[in-house]
Amino acid sequence: MYDASVLPLLGVPDGGFFPGGPLEFYGKVNFLKVGVWYSDAVTTVSETYRQEVMNHYEFGRGLEGLMQDRADRFFGIINGIDDVEWSPRSSP
């Protein structure tokens, strides 16, 4: 979270920061929000964690609404590998 005064240092034009816009988050700048806003896809470690981020402040930290709005491009990918298919013992 940063004060909007950082935006000219990044070359953001005047008018780029406004209430409800991609840069604004409770009166501050939140670069995570910007990244999610403009992403084609967002992933997390599991479908369970995806649901937690979208539905609980403890996990979404205020971004729950944005994550719900982007639910069609927010995916939970299971953390780990298939140890039968990718076994060092049986793979040449």
Protein backbone atom coordinates (compact mmCIF):
# COMPACT_ATOMS: atom_id res chain seq x y z
CA MET A 1 0.00 0.00 0.00
CA TYR A 2 1.45 3.32 -1.08
CA ASP A 3 0.41 6.93 -1.11
CA ALA A 4 -0.75 8.17 -4.50
CA SER A 5 2.25 10.51 -4.54
CA VAL A 6 4.32 7.58 -5.90
CA LEU A 7 2.39 7.51 -9.18
CA PRO A 8 4.22 10.38 -10.96
CA LEU A 9 7.49 8.57 -10.23
CA LEU A 10 6.10 5.62 -12.21
CA GLY A 11 4.90 7.74 -15.13
CA VAL A 12 1.20 7.31 -14.32
CA PRO A 13 -0.59 10.25 -15.95
CA ASP A 14 -2.80 12.67 -14.03
CA GLY A 15 -6.28 11.24 -13.75
CA GLY A 16 -5.02 7.66 -13.54
CA PHE A 17 -5.86 7.48 -9.84
CA PHE A 18 -9.56 7.75 -9.00
CA PRO A 19 -12.02 6.16 -6.53
CA GLY A 20 -12.92 2.63 -7.58
CA GLY A 21 -10.29 2.57 -10.32
CA PRO A 22 -7.68 -0.13 -10.80
CA LEU A 23 -5.01 1.77 -8.83
CA GLU A 24 -7.15 2.90 -5.88
CA PHE A 25 -7.57 0.77 -2.76
CA TYR A 26 -9.07 2.50 0.28
CA GLY A 27 -7.46 5.80 -0.73
CA LYS A 28 -4.03 4.27 -1.36
CA VAL A 29 -2.30 2.52 -4.26
CA ASN A 30 -2.23 -1.29 -4.13
CA PHE A 31 -0.05 -2.88 -6.81
CA LEU A 32 -1.42 -6.36 -6.11
CA LYS A 33 -4.90 -5.06 -6.97
CA VAL A 34 -3.52 -3.53 -10.18
CA GLY A 35 -1.91 -6.85 -11.14
CA VAL A 36 -5.10 -8.82 -10.54
CA TRP A 37 -7.22 -6.19 -12.30
CA TYR A 38 -5.21 -6.42 -15.52
CA SER A 39 -4.31 -10.14 -15.42
CA ASP A 40 -5.62 -12.64 -17.92
CA ALA A 41 -5.40 -15.31 -15.21
CA VAL A 42 -4.60 -15.57 -11.50
CA THR A 43 -3.67 -18.82 -9.78
CA THR A 44 -3.36 -20.03 -6.23
CA VAL A 45 -2.22 -23.26 -4.60
CA SER A 46 -5.59 -25.03 -4.44
CA GLU A 47 -9.30 -24.72 -5.12
CA THR A 48 -9.89 -24.54 -1.36
CA TYR A 49 -7.53 -21.59 -0.97
CA ARG A 50 -9.17 -19.91 -3.99
CA GLN A 51 -12.51 -20.10 -2.20
CA GLU A 52 -10.98 -18.76 1.02
CA VAL A 53 -9.38 -15.80 -0.78
CA MET A 54 -12.68 -14.93 -2.44
CA ASN A 55 -14.84 -15.28 0.66
CA HIS A 56 -12.84 -14.39 3.78
CA TYR A 57 -11.07 -11.16 4.68
CA GLU A 58 -8.34 -13.08 6.52
CA PHE A 59 -7.20 -14.50 3.17
CA GLY A 60 -8.30 -11.84 0.67
CA ARG A 61 -7.19 -8.86 2.79
CA GLY A 62 -9.85 -6.62 1.29
CA LEU A 63 -9.51 -7.91 -2.28
CA GLU A 64 -12.33 -10.46 -1.91
CA GLY A 65 -14.73 -8.46 -4.10
CA LEU A 66 -12.17 -8.08 -6.88
CA MET A 67 -11.37 -11.78 -6.72
CA GLN A 68 -15.09 -12.59 -6.94
CA ASP A 69 -15.40 -10.27 -9.95
CA ARG A 70 -12.48 -12.12 -11.58
CA ALA A 71 -13.66 -15.62 -10.56
CA ASP A 72 -13.82 -16.69 -14.22
CA ARG A 73 -10.07 -16.18 -14.49
CA PHE A 74 -9.03 -17.14 -10.94
CA PHE A 75 -7.92 -20.77 -10.67
CA GLY A 76 -6.87 -23.06 -7.86
CA ILE A 77 -4.11 -25.38 -9.02
CA ILE A 78 -3.32 -28.32 -6.80
CA ASN A 79 0.06 -28.00 -5.17
CA GLY A 80 2.26 -31.02 -5.88
CA ILE A 81 2.94 -33.66 -8.51
CA ASP A 82 1.56 -37.03 -9.48
CA ASP A 83 4.26 -39.21 -7.92
CA VAL A 84 3.16 -42.28 -9.90
CA GLU A 85 3.56 -40.60 -13.29
CA TRP A 86 6.64 -38.58 -12.26
CA SER A 87 8.45 -41.18 -10.18
CA PRO A 88 12.27 -41.01 -10.14
CA ARG A 89 12.28 -44.78 -9.55
CA SER A 90 10.45 -45.67 -12.75
CA SER A 91 11.16 -42.74 -15.10
CA PRO A 92 14.03 -43.19 -17.52
